[in-house]
Amino acid sequence: MKNKIFNGFEIVQDLIKLRWVPEILKSISQGNQRYSEILNSIPYMSHTELNRKLAILGEKKVIEKREEDGSYLLLEFGEDLVHIFHHLEDLEEKYFQIRDSV
């Protein structure tokens, strides 16, 4: 039987390892809620790739597309993932930028 930490890590890893997912979620969290805003906020991302990732994130209940105006919103799971991304960025700044500058 797997433990809860491993299960939680596996769930998060399945999404984080997908290219563009962190960028998409951070973009939405920063107020880019329309398709064109998300696409324009992420350099080098194609329409096809954004469509694929939005579909996956919708299926996994990370985001929701509002029917009335077509905007994308983070669901609770998506907000939690963005929170994790911020912690990962903090770790990178705290432990890896120091090494790079030495």
N, C-alpha and C. Protein backbone atom coordinates (compact mmCIF):
# COMPACT_ATOMS: atom_id res chain seq x y z
N MET A 1 0.84 -1.19 0.00
CA MET A 1 0.00 0.00 0.00
C MET A 1 0.89 1.25 0.00
N LYS A 2 0.64 2.13 -0.92
CA LYS A 2 1.41 3.36 -1.02
C LYS A 2 1.01 4.31 0.11
N ASN A 3 1.98 5.11 0.56
CA ASN A 3 1.63 6.07 1.59
C ASN A 3 1.08 7.35 0.98
N LYS A 4 0.52 8.20 1.83
CA LYS A 4 -0.15 9.41 1.36
C LYS A 4 0.83 10.39 0.71
N ILE A 5 2.03 10.51 1.26
CA ILE A 5 3.01 11.43 0.67
C ILE A 5 3.34 10.99 -0.74
N PHE A 6 3.58 9.69 -0.92
CA PHE A 6 3.90 9.20 -2.26
C PHE A 6 2.75 9.42 -3.22
N ASN A 7 1.53 9.14 -2.77
CA ASN A 7 0.36 9.34 -3.62
C ASN A 7 0.21 10.80 -4.02
N GLY A 8 0.36 11.70 -3.05
CA GLY A 8 0.27 13.13 -3.34
C GLY A 8 1.35 13.57 -4.31
N PHE A 9 2.57 13.08 -4.09
CA PHE A 9 3.68 13.43 -4.97
C PHE A 9 3.42 12.94 -6.38
N GLU A 10 2.90 11.73 -6.50
CA GLU A 10 2.62 11.15 -7.82
C GLU A 10 1.58 11.97 -8.58
N ILE A 11 0.54 12.41 -7.88
CA ILE A 11 -0.51 13.21 -8.50
C ILE A 11 0.06 14.53 -9.02
N VAL A 12 0.85 15.20 -8.17
CA VAL A 12 1.44 16.48 -8.56
C VAL A 12 2.47 16.30 -9.67
N GLN A 13 3.30 15.27 -9.55
CA GLN A 13 4.34 15.03 -10.54
C GLN A 13 3.75 14.78 -11.93
N ASP A 14 2.64 14.07 -11.99
CA ASP A 14 2.01 13.79 -13.28
C ASP A 14 1.64 15.07 -14.02
N LEU A 15 1.30 16.12 -13.29
CA LEU A 15 0.95 17.39 -13.93
C LEU A 15 2.17 18.28 -14.13
N ILE A 16 3.04 18.34 -13.14
CA ILE A 16 4.21 19.21 -13.23
C ILE A 16 5.15 18.79 -14.36
N LYS A 17 5.25 17.50 -14.58
CA LYS A 17 6.20 17.03 -15.60
C LYS A 17 5.75 17.34 -17.03
N LEU A 18 4.49 17.68 -17.20
CA LEU A 18 3.99 18.04 -18.52
C LEU A 18 4.49 19.43 -18.89
N ARG A 19 5.11 19.52 -20.03
CA ARG A 19 5.63 20.81 -20.47
C ARG A 19 4.50 21.83 -20.57
N TRP A 20 4.76 23.02 -20.15
CA TRP A 20 3.89 24.19 -20.20
C TRP A 20 2.87 24.28 -19.08
N VAL A 21 2.61 23.21 -18.35
CA VAL A 21 1.57 23.26 -17.31
C VAL A 21 1.89 24.31 -16.24
N PRO A 22 3.10 24.33 -15.68
CA PRO A 22 3.36 25.38 -14.68
C PRO A 22 3.17 26.79 -15.24
N GLU A 23 3.62 27.00 -16.47
CA GLU A 23 3.50 28.32 -17.08
C GLU A 23 2.04 28.71 -17.30
N ILE A 24 1.23 27.76 -17.73
CA ILE A 24 -0.20 28.03 -17.95
C ILE A 24 -0.88 28.39 -16.64
N LEU A 25 -0.64 27.59 -15.62
CA LEU A 25 -1.30 27.84 -14.33
C LEU A 25 -0.86 29.16 -13.71
N LYS A 26 0.43 29.44 -13.81
CA LYS A 26 0.91 30.73 -13.28
C LYS A 26 0.32 31.89 -14.07
N SER A 27 0.20 31.73 -15.38
CA SER A 27 -0.39 32.78 -16.20
C SER A 27 -1.83 33.06 -15.79
N ILE A 28 -2.61 32.02 -15.60
CA ILE A 28 -4.00 32.18 -15.17
C ILE A 28 -4.05 32.84 -13.80
N SER A 29 -3.16 32.42 -12.90
CA SER A 29 -3.16 32.99 -11.55
C SER A 29 -2.78 34.46 -11.55
N GLN A 30 -2.06 34.90 -12.59
CA GLN A 30 -1.65 36.30 -12.70
C GLN A 30 -2.69 37.16 -13.42
N GLY A 31 -3.84 36.56 -13.71
CA GLY A 31 -4.93 37.34 -14.29
C GLY A 31 -5.16 37.16 -15.78
N ASN A 32 -4.37 36.33 -16.42
CA ASN A 32 -4.58 36.04 -17.85
C ASN A 32 -5.60 34.91 -17.95
N GLN A 33 -6.86 35.28 -18.07
CA GLN A 33 -7.91 34.27 -18.01
C GLN A 33 -8.52 33.92 -19.36
N ARG A 34 -8.27 34.71 -20.35
CA ARG A 34 -8.78 34.42 -21.70
C ARG A 34 -7.72 33.65 -22.48
N TYR A 35 -8.17 32.84 -23.41
CA TYR A 35 -7.27 32.00 -24.20
C TYR A 35 -6.14 32.82 -24.82
N SER A 36 -6.46 33.91 -25.47
CA SER A 36 -5.43 34.72 -26.15
C SER A 36 -4.45 35.33 -25.15
N GLU A 37 -4.94 35.70 -23.97
CA GLU A 37 -4.06 36.26 -22.94
C GLU A 37 -3.06 35.21 -22.45
N ILE A 38 -3.56 34.01 -22.24
CA ILE A 38 -2.68 32.92 -21.79
C ILE A 38 -1.63 32.65 -22.87
N LEU A 39 -2.09 32.50 -24.11
CA LEU A 39 -1.17 32.20 -25.21
C LEU A 39 -0.11 33.29 -25.37
N ASN A 40 -0.52 34.54 -25.31
CA ASN A 40 0.41 35.65 -25.48
C ASN A 40 1.38 35.82 -24.31
N SER A 41 1.02 35.29 -23.15
CA SER A 41 1.89 35.44 -21.98
C SER A 41 2.98 34.38 -21.90
N ILE A 42 2.92 33.37 -22.77
CA ILE A 42 3.89 32.27 -22.74
C ILE A 42 4.61 32.21 -24.08
N PRO A 43 5.83 32.73 -24.12
CA PRO A 43 6.59 32.72 -25.39
C PRO A 43 6.81 31.30 -25.92
N TYR A 44 6.71 31.17 -27.23
CA TYR A 44 7.01 29.92 -27.96
C TYR A 44 5.97 28.82 -27.79
N MET A 45 4.86 29.09 -27.17
CA MET A 45 3.83 28.07 -27.01
C MET A 45 2.87 28.14 -28.20
N SER A 46 2.54 26.97 -28.76
CA SER A 46 1.66 26.94 -29.92
C SER A 46 0.19 26.83 -29.49
N HIS A 47 -0.70 27.19 -30.43
CA HIS A 47 -2.14 27.04 -30.19
C HIS A 47 -2.47 25.58 -29.88
N THR A 48 -1.90 24.67 -30.65
CA THR A 48 -2.18 23.24 -30.48
C THR A 48 -1.80 22.78 -29.07
N GLU A 49 -0.63 23.18 -28.64
CA GLU A 49 -0.16 22.75 -27.33
C GLU A 49 -1.01 23.36 -26.21
N LEU A 50 -1.37 24.62 -26.35
CA LEU A 50 -2.23 25.24 -25.33
C LEU A 50 -3.58 24.53 -25.28
N ASN A 51 -4.16 24.23 -26.43
CA ASN A 51 -5.44 23.51 -26.44
C ASN A 51 -5.32 22.16 -25.74
N ARG A 52 -4.25 21.43 -26.03
CA ARG A 52 -4.04 20.11 -25.40
C ARG A 52 -3.95 20.24 -23.88
N LYS A 53 -3.13 21.19 -23.44
CA LYS A 53 -2.91 21.32 -22.00
C LYS A 53 -4.15 21.83 -21.28
N LEU A 54 -4.88 22.75 -21.88
CA LEU A 54 -6.12 23.22 -21.25
C LEU A 54 -7.11 22.07 -21.11
N ALA A 55 -7.17 21.20 -22.10
CA ALA A 55 -8.08 20.05 -22.02
C ALA A 55 -7.67 19.12 -20.88
N ILE A 56 -6.37 18.84 -20.77
CA ILE A 56 -5.88 17.97 -19.70
C ILE A 56 -6.17 18.59 -18.33
N LEU A 57 -5.88 19.87 -18.20
CA LEU A 57 -6.10 20.55 -16.92
C LEU A 57 -7.58 20.59 -16.56
N GLY A 58 -8.44 20.70 -17.54
CA GLY A 58 -9.88 20.65 -17.29
C GLY A 58 -10.31 19.27 -16.84
N GLU A 59 -9.81 18.23 -17.50
CA GLU A 59 -10.15 16.84 -17.14
C GLU A 59 -9.69 16.50 -15.73
N LYS A 60 -8.55 17.04 -15.33
CA LYS A 60 -7.98 16.75 -14.00
C LYS A 60 -8.56 17.66 -12.92
N LYS A 61 -9.51 18.50 -13.29
CA LYS A 61 -10.18 19.42 -12.34
C LYS A 61 -9.20 20.41 -11.72
N VAL A 62 -8.26 20.89 -12.55
CA VAL A 62 -7.29 21.89 -12.12
C VAL A 62 -7.80 23.28 -12.49
N ILE A 63 -8.44 23.36 -13.66
CA ILE A 63 -9.02 24.62 -14.13
C ILE A 63 -10.45 24.36 -14.58
N GLU A 64 -11.16 25.46 -14.80
CA GLU A 64 -12.53 25.38 -15.30
C GLU A 64 -12.69 26.47 -16.35
N LYS A 65 -13.37 26.13 -17.41
CA LYS A 65 -13.70 27.14 -18.44
C LYS A 65 -15.12 27.60 -18.20
N ARG A 66 -15.26 28.88 -18.00
CA ARG A 66 -16.60 29.46 -17.79
C ARG A 66 -17.31 29.58 -19.12
N GLU A 67 -18.47 29.01 -19.20
CA GLU A 67 -19.24 29.01 -20.45
C GLU A 67 -19.72 30.40 -20.84
N GLU A 68 -20.08 31.22 -19.85
CA GLU A 68 -20.66 32.52 -20.17
C GLU A 68 -19.69 33.48 -20.86
N ASP A 69 -18.40 33.41 -20.52
CA ASP A 69 -17.47 34.34 -21.16
C ASP A 69 -16.20 33.67 -21.70
N GLY A 70 -16.09 32.36 -21.56
CA GLY A 70 -14.95 31.63 -22.11
C GLY A 70 -13.66 31.79 -21.33
N SER A 71 -13.72 32.40 -20.16
CA SER A 71 -12.50 32.60 -19.37
C SER A 71 -12.15 31.32 -18.61
N TYR A 72 -10.88 31.21 -18.27
CA TYR A 72 -10.38 30.07 -17.51
C TYR A 72 -10.10 30.49 -16.09
N LEU A 73 -10.52 29.66 -15.15
CA LEU A 73 -10.32 29.93 -13.73
C LEU A 73 -9.61 28.76 -13.08
N LEU A 74 -8.77 29.07 -12.11
CA LEU A 74 -8.14 28.00 -11.33
C LEU A 74 -9.16 27.46 -10.35
N LEU A 75 -9.24 26.15 -10.27
CA LEU A 75 -10.02 25.52 -9.22
C LEU A 75 -9.10 25.36 -8.01
N GLU A 76 -9.61 24.83 -6.93
CA GLU A 76 -8.80 24.71 -5.71
C GLU A 76 -7.51 23.93 -5.95
N PHE A 77 -7.58 22.85 -6.72
CA PHE A 77 -6.40 22.05 -7.04
C PHE A 77 -5.38 22.91 -7.79
N GLY A 78 -5.85 23.71 -8.73
CA GLY A 78 -4.96 24.59 -9.48
C GLY A 78 -4.29 25.63 -8.59
N GLU A 79 -5.04 26.19 -7.66
CA GLU A 79 -4.47 27.15 -6.72
C GLU A 79 -3.39 26.49 -5.87
N ASP A 80 -3.66 25.27 -5.44
CA ASP A 80 -2.66 24.54 -4.65
C ASP A 80 -1.40 24.26 -5.46
N LEU A 81 -1.55 23.92 -6.73
CA LEU A 81 -0.38 23.69 -7.58
C LEU A 81 0.44 24.96 -7.76
N VAL A 82 -0.22 26.09 -7.98
CA VAL A 82 0.50 27.36 -8.11
C VAL A 82 1.25 27.66 -6.82
N HIS A 83 0.65 27.37 -5.69
CA HIS A 83 1.31 27.55 -4.40
C HIS A 83 2.59 26.71 -4.34
N ILE A 84 2.52 25.48 -4.80
CA ILE A 84 3.69 24.60 -4.84
C ILE A 84 4.76 25.18 -5.78
N PHE A 85 4.35 25.70 -6.92
CA PHE A 85 5.31 26.29 -7.86
C PHE A 85 6.07 27.45 -7.20
N HIS A 86 5.36 28.26 -6.43
CA HIS A 86 6.02 29.38 -5.74
C HIS A 86 7.06 28.85 -4.75
N HIS A 87 6.74 27.78 -4.06
CA HIS A 87 7.71 27.20 -3.13
C HIS A 87 8.93 26.65 -3.88
N LEU A 88 8.70 26.03 -5.02
CA LEU A 88 9.83 25.53 -5.81
C LEU A 88 10.72 26.67 -6.29
N GLU A 89 10.11 27.77 -6.68
CA GLU A 89 10.90 28.94 -7.08
C GLU A 89 11.70 29.48 -5.90
N ASP A 90 11.08 29.50 -4.71
CA ASP A 90 11.80 29.95 -3.52
C ASP A 90 13.00 29.06 -3.23
N LEU A 91 12.84 27.75 -3.38
CA LEU A 91 13.95 26.82 -3.17
C LEU A 91 15.07 27.08 -4.16
N GLU A 92 14.69 27.32 -5.40
CA GLU A 92 15.70 27.58 -6.44
C GLU A 92 16.48 28.84 -6.09
N GLU A 93 15.79 29.87 -5.69
CA GLU A 93 16.46 31.12 -5.32
C GLU A 93 17.34 30.95 -4.10
N LYS A 94 16.85 30.23 -3.11
CA LYS A 94 17.56 30.07 -1.84
C LYS A 94 18.80 29.20 -1.98
N TYR A 95 18.70 28.09 -2.72
CA TYR A 95 19.77 27.11 -2.72
C TYR A 95 20.61 27.04 -3.99
N PHE A 96 20.08 27.46 -5.10
CA PHE A 96 20.81 27.26 -6.35
C PHE A 96 21.41 28.53 -6.93
N GLN A 97 20.81 29.66 -6.71
CA GLN A 97 21.39 30.90 -7.22
C GLN A 97 22.66 31.26 -6.46
N ILE A 98 22.73 30.86 -5.20
CA ILE A 98 23.93 31.11 -4.40
C ILE A 98 25.10 30.37 -5.01
N ARG A 99 24.91 29.11 -5.36
CA ARG A 99 25.96 28.29 -5.96
C ARG A 99 26.42 28.86 -7.29
N ASP A 100 25.45 29.33 -8.08
CA ASP A 100 25.78 29.86 -9.41
C ASP A 100 26.63 31.11 -9.34
N SER A 101 26.47 31.89 -8.28
CA SER A 101 27.20 33.15 -8.19
C SER A 101 28.59 32.99 -7.57
N VAL A 102 28.87 31.83 -6.99
CA VAL A 102 30.16 31.60 -6.34
C VAL A 102 31.21 31.20 -7.33
